Amino acid sequence: MKNCWLTLRSDVFLWLTQDECLIYNSNNHKKLSFTVNDEIRKICQQLLIPINLYTVEISEISLEEKSVRQWIDCIIDNDAGYLKPCSNTIKPISLKPILKIQDSINYYTKKYNEELAGEIIHNLYELTFYINGSEYGNNSWYKQTVFPLKSCQPLDIQKLFGFIQNAKSNFLSNINLSGNIFLYPDYVSLVEEICNSKIRFTINITIQDFEDNIQRIKEIQWTDNTQFNILIDSQSDFTLISLDGLCINMSVTVLVFTEENYKSIIDKLDTLPVYRDAQITPIYNGENFDFFHSNVFISKSEINEIALSKREVFMRQAINIYDFGKLTVLSDEQVFANVNMNPLGSINNSMVSLIYKEFTKGQSWLRIRDQKPCADCIYQWLCPSPSNYEIAIGKPNLCHIIE
């Protein structure tokens, strides 16, 4: 065989480390990982140079080398690329998938300096307000998931809805309320505002507080934009609620801590159909690392099952999929992009200034896997973004590949 052009398709990602390479076809979700030798590494390095347009010339000698030929055959078999003879053939062209961010930090800096930064609000999709506390709350779990604090002062209702008003855009789609809404001082006004709003509200409430207020819930004509998310601490004693006669939208989130805890709660939840679709949320308590290591840490086989589009890969390269577009307001009026980080400011600051600060100085929305050890891993951009679990446990990565 004479010299040939090797071309990778435009939906294919090529990731290379010192010893390994991963080819991921975002069109059919097939993955090809292998240990590289000097010749294959040299070919990969040439393919990664943008000016080469994802095409490299392979010599006849290289094509006759068994390892190179097998590697190229795997690429072709996975529909990740193709070979064409160089003679009498124009060099093929393919566009290497490269992340291009239209709304970059520099873009918003320029807009902000020109006092034209209003469109930065379009990046805000979700707000969470800790409106007050609950005797069934917890002062550490809220740093891993939305869960009421033990006790705290109520958030001023005028400031709450003023903040929402300043955040309104076609992109703001959900507002979370956390606490015991039925003990809120302006409870009646709050419910009226929620039911009259066109934005979706999710009321996150412990199962005990929900049960204590069943009659009050039945007396209210809840609108379709309102949903109750019932929070169950699987370690505590609680009674599963019969929801007969309740005309509400609802979901269930169960916090689990051990495998035994998980198994027992599943058996209990199966007794009532409404709980069978519950979202199971692990919580790190400082003493259950083994549980997380066995059940939360991601394995190579699980990564191989990940099927991402090209756009989803780009998202992981640019933003934190858990934090981006979200702000949290605690009852002390401090505003966070992530409650584990420093506050961006207070509820009294302008929405534009808070979001601009997160883009330019924050640590949450743009927190991606660009730090070691993830930066040295070929699966870097297939893994989910860094989560609050990494912060709680104190590890930069929760996987079995690099430990």
Protein backbone atom coordinates (compact mmCIF):
# COMPACT_ATOMS: atom_id res chain seq x y z
CA MET A 1 0.00 0.00 0.00
CA LYS A 2 1.28 3.47 -0.94
CA ASN A 3 1.22 6.52 1.31
CA CYS A 4 -2.29 7.36 2.56
CA TRP A 5 -4.15 10.20 4.21
CA LEU A 6 -5.57 9.33 7.62
CA THR A 7 -8.49 11.61 8.46
CA LEU A 8 -10.53 11.70 11.65
CA ARG A 9 -14.19 12.73 11.38
CA SER A 10 -15.32 16.08 12.75
CA ASP A 11 -17.48 14.49 15.47
CA VAL A 12 -14.49 12.57 16.83
CA PHE A 13 -12.39 13.67 19.82
CA LEU A 14 -8.77 12.64 20.17
CA TRP A 15 -7.22 12.92 23.62
CA LEU A 16 -3.56 12.10 24.19
CA THR A 17 -1.40 11.74 27.29
CA GLN A 18 2.19 10.57 27.53
CA ASP A 19 1.30 6.88 27.40
CA GLU A 20 -2.35 6.65 26.42
CA CYS A 21 -4.77 7.84 23.79
CA LEU A 22 -8.55 7.91 23.65
CA ILE A 23 -10.60 8.35 20.49
CA TYR A 24 -14.25 9.14 21.19
CA ASN A 25 -16.87 9.27 18.46
CA SER A 26 -19.58 11.61 19.74
CA ASN A 27 -21.86 10.53 16.90
CA ASN A 28 -22.09 6.83 17.76
CA HIS A 29 -20.56 7.08 21.29
CA LYS A 30 -17.91 4.46 20.56
CA LYS A 31 -14.60 4.72 22.41
CA LEU A 32 -11.16 3.46 21.42
CA SER A 33 -8.48 3.58 24.11
CA PHE A 34 -4.98 2.22 23.74
CA THR A 35 -1.41 2.45 24.93
CA VAL A 36 0.65 4.41 22.40
CA ASN A 37 4.10 3.66 21.01
CA ASP A 38 6.40 6.28 19.51
CA GLU A 39 4.98 5.98 15.99
CA ILE A 40 1.31 6.22 17.03
CA ARG A 41 2.11 9.11 19.40
CA LYS A 42 3.76 10.97 16.52
CA ILE A 43 0.69 10.46 14.32
CA CYS A 44 -1.65 11.62 17.09
CA GLN A 45 0.42 14.74 17.73
CA GLN A 46 0.18 15.65 14.05
CA LEU A 47 -3.58 15.09 14.00
CA LEU A 48 -3.99 17.43 16.98
CA ILE A 49 -2.34 20.37 15.18
CA PRO A 50 -5.34 22.44 13.98
CA ILE A 51 -3.66 23.58 10.76
CA ASN A 52 -3.42 19.94 9.64
CA LEU A 53 -7.24 19.81 9.48
CA TYR A 54 -7.48 16.48 11.29
CA THR A 55 -5.54 14.78 8.48
CA VAL A 56 -2.05 13.32 8.45
CA GLU A 57 -0.04 11.49 5.82
CA ILE A 58 0.85 7.91 6.78
CA SER A 59 3.87 6.45 5.02
CA GLU A 60 3.84 3.06 3.38
CA ILE A 61 6.40 1.89 5.93
CA SER A 62 4.17 2.94 8.85
CA LEU A 63 1.16 1.25 7.29
CA GLU A 64 3.09 -2.00 7.19
CA GLU A 65 3.88 -1.79 10.90
CA LYS A 66 1.49 -4.17 12.68
CA SER A 67 0.63 -1.91 15.65
CA VAL A 68 -0.08 1.11 13.44
CA ARG A 69 -2.16 -0.89 11.01
CA GLN A 70 -4.23 -2.45 13.78
CA TRP A 71 -4.77 0.96 15.33
CA ILE A 72 -5.94 2.47 12.03
CA ASP A 73 -8.22 -0.51 11.37
CA CYS A 74 -9.86 0.05 14.76
CA ILE A 75 -10.41 3.72 13.89
CA ILE A 76 -12.09 2.75 10.63
CA ASP A 77 -14.14 -0.04 12.25
CA ASN A 78 -15.45 2.48 14.81
CA ASP A 79 -16.35 4.92 12.01
CA ALA A 80 -14.01 7.44 13.63
CA GLY A 81 -11.93 8.06 10.51
CA TYR A 82 -10.90 6.83 7.09
CA LEU A 83 -7.93 6.24 4.78
CA LYS A 84 -7.47 7.62 1.28
CA PRO A 85 -4.48 7.10 -1.03
CA CYS A 86 -2.29 10.17 -1.39
CA SER A 87 -1.63 9.67 -5.10
CA ASN A 88 -4.06 11.54 -7.34
CA THR A 89 -6.10 12.55 -4.29
CA ILE A 90 -6.58 16.02 -2.86
CA LYS A 91 -5.81 16.10 0.85
CA PRO A 92 -9.08 15.47 2.76
CA ILE A 93 -10.30 18.16 5.11
CA SER A 94 -11.98 17.64 8.49
CA LEU A 95 -12.61 20.15 11.25
CA LYS A 96 -11.16 19.08 14.59
CA PRO A 97 -13.75 19.66 17.35
CA ILE A 98 -12.47 22.73 19.18
CA LEU A 99 -14.38 24.56 21.89
CA LYS A 100 -15.24 28.11 20.89
CA ILE A 101 -16.89 30.21 23.58
CA GLN A 102 -18.99 32.99 22.14
CA ASP A 103 -19.68 34.72 25.47
CA SER A 104 -16.17 34.71 26.93
CA ILE A 105 -15.00 36.46 30.09
CA ASN A 106 -13.37 39.14 27.95
CA TYR A 107 -16.70 39.64 26.16
CA TYR A 108 -18.54 40.29 29.42
CA THR A 109 -15.72 42.46 30.75
CA LYS A 110 -16.05 44.66 27.68
CA LYS A 111 -19.83 44.77 27.99
CA TYR A 112 -19.60 45.54 31.72
CA ASN A 113 -17.18 48.39 31.16
CA GLU A 114 -19.52 49.74 28.49
CA GLU A 115 -22.44 49.48 30.94
CA LEU A 116 -24.16 47.09 28.53
CA ALA A 117 -23.95 43.95 30.64
CA GLY A 118 -27.69 43.34 31.08
CA GLU A 119 -27.58 40.26 28.86
CA ILE A 120 -25.24 38.56 31.34
CA ILE A 121 -28.42 37.74 33.30
CA HIS A 122 -29.34 35.33 30.50
CA ASN A 123 -26.83 32.93 32.07
CA LEU A 124 -28.94 32.61 35.23
CA TYR A 125 -31.29 29.61 35.16
CA GLU A 126 -32.02 28.76 38.79
CA LEU A 127 -32.28 30.46 42.16
CA THR A 128 -32.34 28.80 45.59
CA PHE A 129 -33.51 30.65 48.70
CA TYR A 130 -33.06 29.40 52.27
CA ILE A 131 -36.15 31.21 53.54
CA ASN A 132 -35.83 29.99 57.16
CA GLY A 133 -34.82 26.88 59.12
CA SER A 134 -36.35 23.65 60.35
CA GLU A 135 -35.95 21.69 63.56
CA TYR A 136 -35.34 18.69 61.28
CA GLY A 137 -32.70 20.50 59.25
CA ASN A 138 -28.95 20.00 59.21
CA ASN A 139 -26.21 22.63 59.17
CA SER A 140 -23.79 20.69 56.98
CA TRP A 141 -25.85 18.67 54.48
CA TYR A 142 -26.92 21.81 52.64
CA LYS A 143 -23.34 22.04 51.35
CA GLN A 144 -23.90 18.86 49.35
CA THR A 145 -27.56 19.17 48.34
CA VAL A 146 -30.56 21.44 48.90
CA PHE A 147 -31.63 20.72 52.50
CA PRO A 148 -32.97 23.03 55.24
CA LEU A 149 -30.63 24.39 57.86
CA LYS A 150 -31.32 23.53 61.50
CA SER A 151 -32.50 26.99 62.39
CA CYS A 152 -31.98 30.46 61.06
CA GLN A 153 -33.60 33.84 60.75
CA PRO A 154 -36.28 34.27 58.08
CA LEU A 155 -35.32 35.90 54.80
CA ASP A 156 -37.11 39.18 54.22
CA ILE A 157 -39.98 38.60 51.77
CA GLN A 158 -39.64 41.97 50.07
CA LYS A 159 -35.96 41.38 49.40
CA LEU A 160 -36.68 37.83 48.25
CA PHE A 161 -39.16 38.85 45.56
CA GLY A 162 -37.21 41.98 44.69
CA PHE A 163 -34.21 39.74 43.96
CA ILE A 164 -36.38 37.47 41.81
CA GLN A 165 -37.76 40.47 39.93
CA ASN A 166 -34.24 41.70 39.16
CA ALA A 167 -33.30 38.22 37.91
CA LYS A 168 -36.26 37.73 35.61
CA SER A 169 -35.54 36.72 32.04
CA ASN A 170 -36.77 34.10 29.62
CA PHE A 171 -33.96 31.86 30.88
CA LEU A 172 -34.80 31.78 34.60
CA SER A 173 -36.77 28.53 34.83
CA ASN A 174 -36.80 27.33 38.44
CA ILE A 175 -36.77 28.76 41.96
CA ASN A 176 -36.08 26.54 44.99
CA LEU A 177 -37.29 27.40 48.46
CA SER A 178 -35.69 25.52 51.37
CA GLY A 179 -36.88 25.55 54.96
CA ASN A 180 -40.24 25.20 56.67
CA ILE A 181 -42.49 27.42 54.57
CA PHE A 182 -45.36 26.99 57.04
CA LEU A 183 -43.37 28.70 59.80
CA TYR A 184 -42.41 31.63 57.59
CA PRO A 185 -43.62 34.92 59.14
CA ASP A 186 -45.22 36.13 55.90
CA TYR A 187 -46.43 32.64 54.98
CA VAL A 188 -49.73 33.77 53.41
CA SER A 189 -48.10 36.47 51.27
CA LEU A 190 -45.34 34.07 50.23
CA VAL A 191 -47.82 31.42 49.07
CA GLU A 192 -49.85 34.03 47.17
CA GLU A 193 -46.75 35.27 45.37
CA ILE A 194 -45.73 31.72 44.50
CA CYS A 195 -49.15 30.75 43.14
CA ASN A 196 -49.42 33.97 41.10
CA SER A 197 -45.98 33.54 39.56
CA LYS A 198 -45.34 32.12 36.10
CA ILE A 199 -41.96 30.72 37.18
CA ARG A 200 -41.76 27.18 38.51
CA PHE A 201 -41.28 26.99 42.28
CA THR A 202 -39.97 23.91 44.08
CA ILE A 203 -40.62 23.85 47.82
CA ASN A 204 -37.97 21.66 49.46
CA ILE A 205 -39.32 20.47 52.80
CA THR A 206 -38.53 17.66 55.24
CA ILE A 207 -41.04 14.83 55.42
CA GLN A 208 -41.69 15.68 59.09
CA ASP A 209 -42.55 19.32 58.33
CA PHE A 210 -44.68 18.14 55.40
CA GLU A 211 -46.57 15.68 57.59
CA ASP A 212 -47.12 18.29 60.32
CA ASN A 213 -48.80 20.59 57.80
CA ILE A 214 -50.84 18.15 55.68
CA GLN A 215 -54.12 19.87 56.54
CA ARG A 216 -52.80 23.33 55.63
CA ILE A 217 -51.46 21.97 52.33
CA LYS A 218 -54.89 20.51 51.49
CA GLU A 219 -56.57 23.87 52.11
CA ILE A 220 -54.48 25.71 49.49
CA GLN A 221 -55.23 25.73 45.76
CA TRP A 222 -51.68 25.10 44.53
CA THR A 223 -51.04 26.08 40.94
CA ASP A 224 -49.30 23.92 38.34
CA ASN A 225 -46.09 25.94 38.64
CA THR A 226 -45.57 24.70 42.22
CA GLN A 227 -43.95 21.43 43.24
CA PHE A 228 -43.13 19.97 46.65
CA ASN A 229 -39.85 18.09 46.97
CA ILE A 230 -40.16 15.94 50.11
CA LEU A 231 -36.79 15.39 51.77
CA ILE A 232 -36.26 12.18 53.73
CA ASP A 233 -33.32 11.68 56.07
CA SER A 234 -33.13 7.89 55.93
CA GLN A 235 -31.29 7.75 59.27
CA SER A 236 -34.14 9.31 61.23
CA ASP A 237 -37.47 7.92 62.31
CA PHE A 238 -40.29 9.01 60.06
CA THR A 239 -43.67 7.84 58.85
CA LEU A 240 -44.44 7.44 55.17
CA ILE A 241 -47.33 9.73 54.31
CA SER A 242 -50.49 8.73 52.50
CA LEU A 243 -51.10 11.39 49.88
CA ASP A 244 -54.76 10.57 49.26
CA GLY A 245 -56.72 13.76 48.66
CA LEU A 246 -53.62 15.85 48.01
CA CYS A 247 -53.72 17.57 44.62
CA ILE A 248 -50.10 18.67 44.34
CA ASN A 249 -47.09 18.13 42.13
CA MET A 250 -44.42 16.37 44.14
CA SER A 251 -41.09 14.58 44.07
CA VAL A 252 -39.13 12.74 46.75
CA THR A 253 -35.43 12.93 47.63
CA VAL A 254 -33.93 10.42 50.07
CA LEU A 255 -30.57 11.02 51.75
CA VAL A 256 -28.58 7.81 52.31
CA PHE A 257 -25.32 7.21 54.18
CA THR A 258 -24.48 3.48 54.05
CA GLU A 259 -25.34 0.45 51.93
CA GLU A 260 -27.41 -1.01 54.75
CA ASN A 261 -29.14 2.33 55.13
CA TYR A 262 -29.88 2.34 51.39
CA LYS A 263 -31.28 -1.20 51.33
CA SER A 264 -33.54 -0.64 54.32
CA ILE A 265 -34.94 2.62 52.98
CA ILE A 266 -35.67 1.08 49.57
CA ASP A 267 -37.67 -1.69 51.22
CA LYS A 268 -39.63 0.89 53.16
CA LEU A 269 -40.28 3.15 50.17
CA ASP A 270 -41.58 0.26 48.10
CA THR A 271 -44.63 0.04 50.37
CA LEU A 272 -46.18 3.10 48.70
CA PRO A 273 -46.13 3.69 44.90
CA VAL A 274 -45.59 7.46 45.16
CA TYR A 275 -42.16 6.92 46.73
CA ARG A 276 -40.85 4.39 44.20
CA ASP A 277 -39.46 7.07 41.88
CA ALA A 278 -37.56 8.75 44.71
CA GLN A 279 -34.22 10.40 43.95
CA ILE A 280 -31.51 8.73 46.07
CA THR A 281 -28.86 11.23 47.21
CA PRO A 282 -25.73 10.02 49.05
CA ILE A 283 -24.47 12.29 51.82
CA TYR A 284 -20.89 12.29 53.11
CA ASN A 285 -20.81 12.55 56.90
CA GLY A 286 -17.06 12.22 57.51
CA GLU A 287 -17.35 8.58 58.54
CA ASN A 288 -18.69 6.83 55.42
CA PHE A 289 -15.79 7.13 52.96
CA ASP A 290 -15.94 3.40 52.18
CA PHE A 291 -19.59 3.76 51.16
CA PHE A 292 -18.67 6.56 48.76
CA HIS A 293 -15.63 4.68 47.49
CA SER A 294 -17.79 1.69 46.62
CA ASN A 295 -20.93 3.42 45.39
CA VAL A 296 -20.18 6.98 44.30
CA PHE A 297 -16.65 6.87 42.86
CA ILE A 298 -16.81 6.31 39.10
CA SER A 299 -15.15 3.28 37.53
CA LYS A 300 -13.62 2.78 34.09
CA SER A 301 -16.52 0.55 33.07
CA GLU A 302 -18.99 3.29 34.03
CA ILE A 303 -17.03 5.87 32.03
CA ASN A 304 -17.14 3.53 29.04
CA GLU A 305 -20.95 3.63 29.29
CA ILE A 306 -21.03 7.44 29.14
CA ALA A 307 -22.61 8.66 25.89
CA LEU A 308 -22.12 12.38 25.28
CA SER A 309 -22.88 14.52 22.26
CA LYS A 310 -20.22 16.89 20.93
CA ARG A 311 -22.04 19.76 22.64
CA GLU A 312 -22.06 17.91 25.97
CA VAL A 313 -18.31 17.32 25.75
CA PHE A 314 -17.81 21.02 25.06
CA MET A 315 -19.95 21.86 28.09
CA ARG A 316 -17.65 19.84 30.34
CA GLN A 317 -14.67 21.68 28.88
CA ALA A 318 -16.18 25.10 29.59
CA ILE A 319 -18.54 25.08 32.58
CA ASN A 320 -19.46 23.18 35.73
CA ILE A 321 -22.61 21.27 34.82
CA TYR A 322 -23.76 21.22 38.46
CA ASP A 323 -23.19 24.90 39.36
CA PHE A 324 -23.44 26.93 36.17
CA GLY A 325 -26.37 29.29 36.00
CA LYS A 326 -27.33 28.88 39.67
CA LEU A 327 -27.26 31.26 42.62
CA THR A 328 -28.11 30.51 46.25
CA VAL A 329 -29.29 33.05 48.83
CA LEU A 330 -29.00 32.13 52.51
CA SER A 331 -31.32 33.64 55.10
CA ASP A 332 -28.53 36.00 56.22
CA GLU A 333 -28.89 37.54 52.71
CA GLN A 334 -25.48 36.35 51.47
CA VAL A 335 -25.43 35.22 47.81
CA PHE A 336 -23.35 32.28 46.57
CA ALA A 337 -22.66 30.56 43.26
CA ASN A 338 -21.81 27.55 45.44
CA VAL A 339 -22.36 27.53 49.19
CA ASN A 340 -18.92 25.91 49.69
CA MET A 341 -17.19 28.98 48.23
CA ASN A 342 -16.92 32.59 49.35
CA PRO A 343 -20.07 34.69 48.94
CA LEU A 344 -20.33 36.87 45.83
CA GLY A 345 -22.13 39.58 47.77
CA SER A 346 -25.53 40.13 49.30
CA ILE A 347 -29.13 40.19 48.18
CA ASN A 348 -28.82 43.98 48.11
CA ASN A 349 -26.27 43.91 45.27
CA SER A 350 -27.37 44.16 41.66
CA MET A 351 -27.88 40.89 39.82
CA VAL A 352 -25.54 41.99 37.05
CA SER A 353 -22.69 42.70 39.47
CA LEU A 354 -23.09 39.33 41.22
CA ILE A 355 -23.04 37.31 38.01
CA TYR A 356 -20.21 39.40 36.58
CA LYS A 357 -18.17 38.74 39.72
CA GLU A 358 -18.73 35.00 39.39
CA PHE A 359 -17.60 35.05 35.77
CA THR A 360 -14.47 37.07 36.45
CA LYS A 361 -13.44 36.11 40.01
CA GLY A 362 -15.65 33.19 41.04
CA GLN A 363 -14.71 29.56 41.64
CA SER A 364 -17.91 27.72 40.84
CA TRP A 365 -19.56 28.24 37.45
CA LEU A 366 -16.31 27.66 35.55
CA ARG A 367 -14.88 24.96 37.85
CA ILE A 368 -13.85 22.19 35.45
CA ARG A 369 -11.50 19.20 35.44
CA ASP A 370 -8.41 21.14 34.37
CA GLN A 371 -6.44 20.43 37.56
CA LYS A 372 -4.30 17.41 38.45
CA PRO A 373 -4.86 14.50 38.52
CA CYS A 374 -7.75 14.88 36.06
CA ALA A 375 -5.65 17.03 33.71
CA ASP A 376 -3.39 14.00 33.11
CA CYS A 377 -6.23 11.56 32.36
CA ILE A 378 -7.56 10.69 28.90
CA TYR A 379 -11.10 10.53 30.34
CA GLN A 380 -10.83 14.13 31.59
CA TRP A 381 -13.70 15.52 29.48
CA LEU A 382 -15.99 12.49 29.63
CA CYS A 383 -16.26 12.55 33.42
CA PRO A 384 -18.92 14.73 35.05
CA SER A 385 -17.80 18.10 36.39
CA PRO A 386 -16.32 18.43 39.90
CA SER A 387 -19.16 18.24 42.42
CA ASN A 388 -19.76 19.23 46.02
CA TYR A 389 -18.79 15.69 47.02
CA GLU A 390 -15.17 16.37 46.07
CA ILE A 391 -15.22 19.42 48.34
CA ALA A 392 -16.86 17.53 51.24
CA ILE A 393 -14.46 14.59 51.01
CA GLY A 394 -11.39 16.71 50.26
CA LYS A 395 -10.36 14.90 47.07
CA PRO A 396 -10.01 16.52 43.62
CA ASN A 397 -11.41 13.44 41.87
CA LEU A 398 -13.81 10.68 42.83
CA CYS A 399 -12.81 7.84 40.51
CA HIS A 400 -11.13 4.46 40.51
CA ILE A 401 -8.85 5.26 37.56
CA ILE A 402 -6.47 7.66 39.30
CA GLU A 403 -6.60 7.23 43.10
